[in-house]
C-alpha atoms as a PDB file:
ATOM      1  CA  UNK A   1      50.615  58.736 -88.351  1.00  0.00           C
ATOM      2  CA  UNK A   2      48.117  60.419 -86.189  1.00  0.00           C
ATOM      3  CA  UNK A   3      45.232  59.306 -88.834  1.00  0.00           C
ATOM      4  CA  UNK A   4      46.238  55.483 -88.339  1.00  0.00           C
ATOM      5  CA  UNK A   5      46.069  56.061 -84.522  1.00  0.00           C
ATOM      6  CA  UNK A   6      42.404  57.550 -85.001  1.00  0.00           C
ATOM      7  CA  UNK A   7      41.429  54.627 -87.186  1.00  0.00           C
ATOM      8  CA  UNK A   8      42.278  51.798 -85.071  1.00  0.00           C
ATOM      9  CA  UNK A   9      39.572  52.534 -82.522  1.00  0.00           C
ATOM     10  CA  UNK A  10      36.841  53.043 -85.298  1.00  0.00           C
ATOM     11  CA  UNK A  11      38.047  49.692 -86.554  1.00  0.00           C
ATOM     12  CA  UNK A  12      37.599  48.248 -83.219  1.00  0.00           C
ATOM     13  CA  UNK A  13      34.083  49.734 -82.722  1.00  0.00           C
ATOM     14  CA  UNK A  14      32.712  48.047 -86.149  1.00  0.00           C
ATOM     15  CA  UNK A  15      34.244  44.622 -85.439  1.00  0.00           C
ATOM     16  CA  UNK A  16      32.374  45.027 -81.841  1.00  0.00           C
ATOM     17  CA  UNK A  17      29.078  45.882 -83.611  1.00  0.00           C
ATOM     18  CA  UNK A  18      29.489  43.330 -86.239  1.00  0.00           C
ATOM     19  CA  UNK A  19      29.838  40.689 -83.515  1.00  0.00           C
ATOM     20  CA  UNK A  20      27.131  42.165 -81.784  1.00  0.00           C
ATOM     21  CA  UNK A  21      24.637  42.195 -84.634  1.00  0.00           C
ATOM     22  CA  UNK A  22      25.611  38.420 -85.497  1.00  0.00           C
ATOM     23  CA  UNK A  23      24.780  37.249 -82.110  1.00  0.00           C
ATOM     24  CA  UNK A  24      21.402  38.850 -82.063  1.00  0.00           C
ATOM     25  CA  UNK A  25      20.825  37.420 -85.376  1.00  0.00           C
ATOM     26  CA  UNK A  26      21.619  33.924 -84.006  1.00  0.00           C
ATOM     27  CA  UNK A  27      19.184  34.581 -81.096  1.00  0.00           C
ATOM     28  CA  UNK A  28      16.143  35.721 -83.483  1.00  0.00           C
ATOM     29  CA  UNK A  29      16.296  32.330 -85.321  1.00  0.00           C
ATOM     30  CA  UNK A  30      12.721  31.247 -84.630  1.00  0.00           C
ATOM     31  CA  UNK A  31      13.206  27.816 -86.062  1.00  0.00           C
ATOM     32  CA  UNK A  32      16.149  26.407 -84.150  1.00  0.00           C
ATOM     33  CA  UNK A  33      15.804  25.899 -80.521  1.00  0.00           C
ATOM     34  CA  UNK A  34      18.313  27.737 -78.260  1.00  0.00           C
ATOM     35  CA  UNK A  35      21.242  25.877 -77.053  1.00  0.00           C
ATOM     36  CA  UNK A  36      21.682  24.302 -73.654  1.00  0.00           C
ATOM     37  CA  UNK A  37      24.291  27.047 -72.960  1.00  0.00           C
ATOM     38  CA  UNK A  38      21.811  29.415 -73.664  1.00  0.00           C
ATOM     39  CA  UNK A  39      18.998  27.981 -71.494  1.00  0.00           C
ATOM     40  CA  UNK A  40      21.686  28.127 -68.677  1.00  0.00           C
ATOM     41  CA  UNK A  41      22.606  31.514 -69.123  1.00  0.00           C
ATOM     42  CA  UNK A  42      19.171  32.874 -69.191  1.00  0.00           C
ATOM     43  CA  UNK A  43      18.545  30.964 -65.927  1.00  0.00           C
ATOM     44  CA  UNK A  44      21.607  32.414 -64.278  1.00  0.00           C
ATOM     45  CA  UNK A  45      20.612  35.901 -65.437  1.00  0.00           C
ATOM     46  CA  UNK A  46      17.194  35.434 -63.694  1.00  0.00           C
ATOM     47  CA  UNK A  47      18.840  34.388 -60.183  1.00  0.00           C
ATOM     48  CA  UNK A  48      17.230  37.374 -58.526  1.00  0.00           C
ATOM     49  CA  UNK A  49      13.623  36.219 -59.160  1.00  0.00           C
ATOM     50  CA  UNK A  50      11.958  35.276 -55.751  1.00  0.00           C
ATOM     51  CA  UNK A  51      10.960  31.532 -55.262  1.00  0.00           C
ATOM     52  CA  UNK A  52       7.346  32.962 -54.746  1.00  0.00           C
ATOM     53  CA  UNK A  53       7.007  33.368 -58.612  1.00  0.00           C
ATOM     54  CA  UNK A  54       5.163  29.880 -58.572  1.00  0.00           C
ATOM     55  CA  UNK A  55       3.772  27.644 -55.980  1.00  0.00           C
ATOM     56  CA  UNK A  56       5.795  24.853 -57.248  1.00  0.00           C
ATOM     57  CA  UNK A  57       8.879  26.741 -55.867  1.00  0.00           C
ATOM     58  CA  UNK A  58       7.643  27.035 -52.337  1.00  0.00           C
ATOM     59  CA  UNK A  59      10.220  25.363 -50.137  1.00  0.00           C
ATOM     60  CA  UNK A  60      12.343  23.849 -52.916  1.00  0.00           C
ATOM     61  CA  UNK A  61      15.723  25.344 -51.518  1.00  0.00           C
ATOM     62  CA  UNK A  62      18.222  23.498 -49.678  1.00  0.00           C
ATOM     63  CA  UNK A  63      18.251  26.011 -46.678  1.00  0.00           C
ATOM     64  CA  UNK A  64      15.078  27.387 -45.029  1.00  0.00           C
ATOM     65  CA  UNK A  65      16.161  30.977 -45.862  1.00  0.00           C
ATOM     66  CA  UNK A  66      16.383  30.343 -49.556  1.00  0.00           C
ATOM     67  CA  UNK A  67      14.161  33.010 -51.358  1.00  0.00           C
ATOM     68  CA  UNK A  68      15.368  33.493 -54.653  1.00  0.00           C
ATOM     69  CA  UNK A  69      16.145  31.596 -57.784  1.00  0.00           C
ATOM     70  CA  UNK A  70      19.669  31.937 -57.357  1.00  0.00           C
ATOM     71  CA  UNK A  71      19.691  30.576 -53.721  1.00  0.00           C
ATOM     72  CA  UNK A  72      17.876  27.556 -54.955  1.00  0.00           C
ATOM     73  CA  UNK A  73      20.278  26.778 -57.853  1.00  0.00           C
ATOM     74  CA  UNK A  74      23.368  27.491 -55.776  1.00  0.00           C
ATOM     75  CA  UNK A  75      22.234  25.064 -52.924  1.00  0.00           C
ATOM     76  CA  UNK A  76      21.562  22.325 -55.534  1.00  0.00           C
ATOM     77  CA  UNK A  77      24.867  23.009 -57.322  1.00  0.00           C
ATOM     78  CA  UNK A  78      26.636  22.894 -53.863  1.00  0.00           C
ATOM     79  CA  UNK A  79      25.250  19.280 -53.233  1.00  0.00           C
ATOM     80  CA  UNK A  80      27.151  18.090 -56.391  1.00  0.00           C
ATOM     81  CA  UNK A  81      30.570  18.838 -54.745  1.00  0.00           C
ATOM     82  CA  UNK A  82      30.648  15.565 -52.532  1.00  0.00           C
ATOM     83  CA  UNK A  83      31.347  13.645 -55.741  1.00  0.00           C
ATOM     84  CA  UNK A  84      28.876  10.830 -57.252  1.00  0.00           C
ATOM     85  CA  UNK A  85      27.498  10.642 -60.619  1.00  0.00           C
ATOM     86  CA  UNK A  86      26.356  14.292 -61.258  1.00  0.00           C
ATOM     87  CA  UNK A  87      25.083  15.982 -64.076  1.00  0.00           C
ATOM     88  CA  UNK A  88      23.382  19.283 -65.449  1.00  0.00           C
ATOM     89  CA  UNK A  89      20.984  18.562 -68.363  1.00  0.00           C
ATOM     90  CA  UNK A  90      19.541  21.434 -70.071  1.00  0.00           C
ATOM     91  CA  UNK A  91      17.426  21.727 -73.226  1.00  0.00           C
ATOM     92  CA  UNK A  92      14.784  23.923 -75.288  1.00  0.00           C
ATOM     93  CA  UNK A  93      12.201  22.665 -77.511  1.00  0.00           C
ATOM     94  CA  UNK A  94       8.870  24.168 -79.032  1.00  0.00           C
ATOM     95  CA  UNK A  95       6.544  25.226 -76.291  1.00  0.00           C
ATOM     96  CA  UNK A  96       3.161  22.910 -76.474  1.00  0.00           C
ATOM     97  CA  UNK A  97       1.163  25.882 -75.058  1.00  0.00           C
ATOM     98  CA  UNK A  98       2.354  28.608 -77.249  1.00  0.00           C
ATOM     99  CA  UNK A  99       3.870  28.669 -80.848  1.00  0.00           C
ATOM    100  CA  UNK A 100       5.537  31.904 -80.159  1.00  0.00           C
ATOM    101  CA  UNK A 101       7.749  30.578 -77.228  1.00  0.00           C
ATOM    102  CA  UNK A 102      10.538  28.156 -76.457  1.00  0.00           C
ATOM    103  CA  UNK A 103       9.901  25.686 -73.409  1.00  0.00           C
ATOM    104  CA  UNK A 104      13.166  25.440 -71.728  1.00  0.00           C
ATOM    105  CA  UNK A 105      14.568  23.130 -69.077  1.00  0.00           C
ATOM    106  CA  UNK A 106      17.464  22.967 -66.727  1.00  0.00           C
ATOM    107  CA  UNK A 107      17.978  20.125 -64.182  1.00  0.00           C
ATOM    108  CA  UNK A 108      20.723  19.406 -61.777  1.00  0.00           C
ATOM    109  CA  UNK A 109      20.971  15.580 -61.157  1.00  0.00           C
ATOM    110  CA  UNK A 110      22.687  13.668 -58.297  1.00  0.00           C
ATOM    111  CA  UNK A 111      23.495   9.751 -57.646  1.00  0.00           C
ATOM    112  CA  UNK A 112      25.496   8.992 -54.990  1.00  0.00           C
ATOM    113  CA  UNK A 113      24.829   5.831 -53.151  1.00  0.00           C
ATOM    114  CA  UNK A 114      21.270   5.789 -52.263  1.00  0.00           C
ATOM    115  CA  UNK A 115      21.090   9.496 -52.734  1.00  0.00           C
ATOM    116  CA  UNK A 116      19.562  10.083 -56.051  1.00  0.00           C
ATOM    117  CA  UNK A 117      17.555  13.043 -57.248  1.00  0.00           C
ATOM    118  CA  UNK A 118      17.058  15.403 -59.935  1.00  0.00           C
ATOM    119  CA  UNK A 119      15.773  18.977 -59.478  1.00  0.00           C
ATOM    120  CA  UNK A 120      15.694  22.019 -61.559  1.00  0.00           C
ATOM    121  CA  UNK A 121      13.540  24.833 -63.382  1.00  0.00           C
ATOM    122  CA  UNK A 122      11.413  24.764 -66.281  1.00  0.00           C
ATOM    123  CA  UNK A 123      10.674  28.267 -68.253  1.00  0.00           C
ATOM    124  CA  UNK A 124       9.414  29.757 -71.370  1.00  0.00           C
ATOM    125  CA  UNK A 125      11.229  32.411 -73.705  1.00  0.00           C
ATOM    126  CA  UNK A 126       9.746  34.129 -76.647  1.00  0.00           C
ATOM    127  CA  UNK A 127      11.135  33.057 -80.074  1.00  0.00           C
ATOM    128  CA  UNK A 128      11.897  36.769 -80.744  1.00  0.00           C
ATOM    129  CA  UNK A 129      13.236  38.544 -77.712  1.00  0.00           C
ATOM    130  CA  UNK A 130      15.376  36.119 -75.766  1.00  0.00           C
ATOM    131  CA  UNK A 131      14.451  36.999 -72.189  1.00  0.00           C
ATOM    132  CA  UNK A 132      12.834  34.570 -69.896  1.00  0.00           C
ATOM    133  CA  UNK A 133       9.576  34.939 -68.901  1.00  0.00           C
ATOM    134  CA  UNK A 134       9.339  35.211 -65.197  1.00  0.00           C
ATOM    135  CA  UNK A 135       5.940  34.285 -64.805  1.00  0.00           C
ATOM    136  CA  UNK A 136       6.428  31.040 -66.648  1.00  0.00           C
ATOM    137  CA  UNK A 137       9.042  29.553 -64.083  1.00  0.00           C
ATOM    138  CA  UNK A 138       8.322  26.260 -62.573  1.00  0.00           C
ATOM    139  CA  UNK A 139      10.389  24.633 -60.157  1.00  0.00           C
ATOM    140  CA  UNK A 140      10.484  20.714 -61.161  1.00  0.00           C
ATOM    141  CA  UNK A 141      11.984  17.554 -60.036  1.00  0.00           C
ATOM    142  CA  UNK A 142      11.814  14.575 -57.724  1.00  0.00           C
ATOM    143  CA  UNK A 143      14.261  12.746 -55.289  1.00  0.00           C
END
Protein backbone atom coordinates (compact mmCIF):
# COMPACT_ATOMS: atom_id res chain seq x y z
CA UNK A 1 0.00 0.00 0.00
CA UNK A 2 2.76 2.48 0.88
CA UNK A 3 4.56 1.65 -2.36
CA UNK A 4 1.44 2.51 -4.38
CA UNK A 5 1.15 5.88 -2.64
CA UNK A 6 4.77 6.68 -3.50
CA UNK A 7 4.30 5.85 -7.19
CA UNK A 8 1.33 8.20 -7.74
CA UNK A 9 3.34 11.44 -7.28
CA UNK A 10 6.06 10.03 -9.54
CA UNK A 11 3.52 9.24 -12.28
CA UNK A 12 2.06 12.74 -11.97
CA UNK A 13 5.52 14.29 -12.32
CA UNK A 14 6.25 12.17 -15.41
CA UNK A 15 2.95 13.17 -17.01
CA UNK A 16 3.69 16.87 -16.33
CA UNK A 17 7.19 16.53 -17.80
CA UNK A 18 5.80 14.81 -20.91
CA UNK A 19 3.21 17.56 -21.43
CA UNK A 20 5.79 20.33 -20.94
CA UNK A 21 8.14 18.63 -23.41
CA UNK A 22 5.36 18.25 -25.98
CA UNK A 23 4.39 21.92 -25.59
CA UNK A 24 8.02 23.03 -26.05
CA UNK A 25 8.24 20.90 -29.19
CA UNK A 26 5.16 22.64 -30.62
CA UNK A 27 6.67 26.08 -29.97
CA UNK A 28 9.95 25.04 -31.62
CA UNK A 29 8.35 24.10 -34.97
CA UNK A 30 10.12 26.48 -37.34
CA UNK A 31 7.88 25.80 -40.35
CA UNK A 32 4.45 26.57 -38.89
CA UNK A 33 3.61 30.14 -37.85
CA UNK A 34 2.53 30.53 -34.21
CA UNK A 35 -1.21 30.62 -33.56
CA UNK A 36 -3.26 33.76 -32.95
CA UNK A 37 -3.59 32.67 -29.32
CA UNK A 38 0.19 32.38 -28.95
CA UNK A 39 0.71 35.90 -30.38
CA UNK A 40 -1.78 37.32 -27.87
CA UNK A 41 -0.10 35.41 -25.04
CA UNK A 42 3.33 36.82 -25.96
CA UNK A 43 1.85 40.30 -25.99
CA UNK A 44 0.18 39.86 -22.60
CA UNK A 45 3.41 38.50 -21.11
CA UNK A 46 5.12 41.71 -22.28
CA UNK A 47 2.70 44.09 -20.54
CA UNK A 48 5.45 45.74 -18.44
CA UNK A 49 7.46 46.96 -21.46
CA UNK A 50 7.47 50.77 -21.50
CA UNK A 51 5.85 52.57 -24.43
CA UNK A 52 9.16 54.39 -24.85
CA UNK A 53 10.41 51.19 -26.55
CA UNK A 54 9.73 52.80 -29.97
CA UNK A 55 8.68 56.28 -31.20
CA UNK A 56 5.54 54.78 -32.80
CA UNK A 57 4.28 54.07 -29.27
CA UNK A 58 4.63 57.64 -27.95
CA UNK A 59 1.25 59.01 -26.84
CA UNK A 60 -0.80 56.02 -28.02
CA UNK A 61 -2.55 55.31 -24.71
CA UNK A 62 -6.14 56.18 -23.95
CA UNK A 63 -5.03 58.26 -20.93
CA UNK A 64 -2.14 60.68 -20.50
CA UNK A 65 -0.35 58.53 -17.89
CA UNK A 66 -0.32 55.30 -19.93
CA UNK A 67 3.32 54.33 -19.90
CA UNK A 68 3.41 50.60 -20.55
CA UNK A 69 2.25 48.18 -23.18
CA UNK A 70 -0.20 46.77 -20.62
CA UNK A 71 -1.77 50.19 -19.95
CA UNK A 72 -2.08 50.85 -23.70
CA UNK A 73 -3.74 47.50 -24.42
CA UNK A 74 -6.00 47.67 -21.34
CA UNK A 75 -7.27 51.09 -22.38
CA UNK A 76 -8.01 49.93 -25.92
CA UNK A 77 -9.78 46.80 -24.69
CA UNK A 78 -11.84 48.84 -22.21
CA UNK A 79 -13.11 50.95 -25.13
CA UNK A 80 -14.84 47.84 -26.50
CA UNK A 81 -17.18 47.61 -23.50
CA UNK A 82 -19.78 49.98 -24.94
CA UNK A 83 -20.93 47.64 -27.70
CA UNK A 84 -20.57 48.14 -31.42
CA UNK A 85 -18.83 45.81 -33.86
CA UNK A 86 -15.59 44.92 -32.12
CA UNK A 87 -12.86 42.43 -32.92
CA UNK A 88 -9.40 41.31 -31.97
CA UNK A 89 -7.32 40.21 -34.93
CA UNK A 90 -4.10 38.34 -34.35
CA UNK A 91 -1.66 36.55 -36.64
CA UNK A 92 1.97 35.60 -37.21
CA UNK A 93 3.78 35.19 -40.54
CA UNK A 94 7.31 35.03 -41.90
CA UNK A 95 9.26 38.14 -40.93
CA UNK A 96 10.19 39.88 -44.20
CA UNK A 97 13.29 41.36 -42.51
CA UNK A 98 14.69 38.14 -41.03
CA UNK A 99 14.41 34.48 -41.99
CA UNK A 100 14.92 33.43 -38.38
CA UNK A 101 11.90 35.27 -36.96
CA UNK A 102 8.13 35.43 -37.05
CA UNK A 103 6.39 38.78 -37.46
CA UNK A 104 3.25 38.92 -35.33
CA UNK A 105 0.44 41.44 -35.09
CA UNK A 106 -2.40 41.92 -32.61
CA UNK A 107 -5.07 44.50 -33.51
CA UNK A 108 -8.00 45.69 -31.41
CA UNK A 109 -10.77 46.98 -33.68
CA UNK A 110 -13.90 48.99 -32.96
CA UNK A 111 -16.78 50.18 -35.14
CA UNK A 112 -19.66 51.95 -33.40
CA UNK A 113 -21.60 54.49 -35.45
CA UNK A 114 -19.12 57.05 -36.78
CA UNK A 115 -16.41 55.80 -34.44
CA UNK A 116 -14.15 53.40 -36.29
CA UNK A 117 -10.57 52.49 -35.39
CA UNK A 118 -8.00 49.73 -35.30
CA UNK A 119 -5.01 49.96 -32.95
CA UNK A 120 -2.50 47.38 -31.83
CA UNK A 121 1.04 46.11 -31.76
CA UNK A 122 3.40 44.46 -34.21
CA UNK A 123 6.43 42.52 -32.94
CA UNK A 124 8.94 39.84 -33.86
CA UNK A 125 9.62 36.49 -32.21
CA UNK A 126 12.57 34.19 -32.95
CA UNK A 127 11.56 30.93 -34.60
CA UNK A 128 13.45 29.21 -31.79
CA UNK A 129 13.00 30.40 -28.25
CA UNK A 130 9.47 31.76 -28.34
CA UNK A 131 9.99 35.12 -26.60
CA UNK A 132 8.86 38.46 -27.96
CA UNK A 133 11.81 40.69 -28.91
CA UNK A 134 11.12 43.97 -27.04
CA UNK A 135 13.12 46.14 -29.47
CA UNK A 136 10.90 44.90 -32.33
CA UNK A 137 7.68 46.35 -30.86
CA UNK A 138 5.83 48.86 -33.05
CA UNK A 139 2.49 50.44 -32.21
CA UNK A 140 0.27 50.39 -35.29
CA UNK A 141 -3.19 51.43 -36.32
CA UNK A 142 -5.41 54.28 -37.33
CA UNK A 143 -8.71 55.78 -36.45
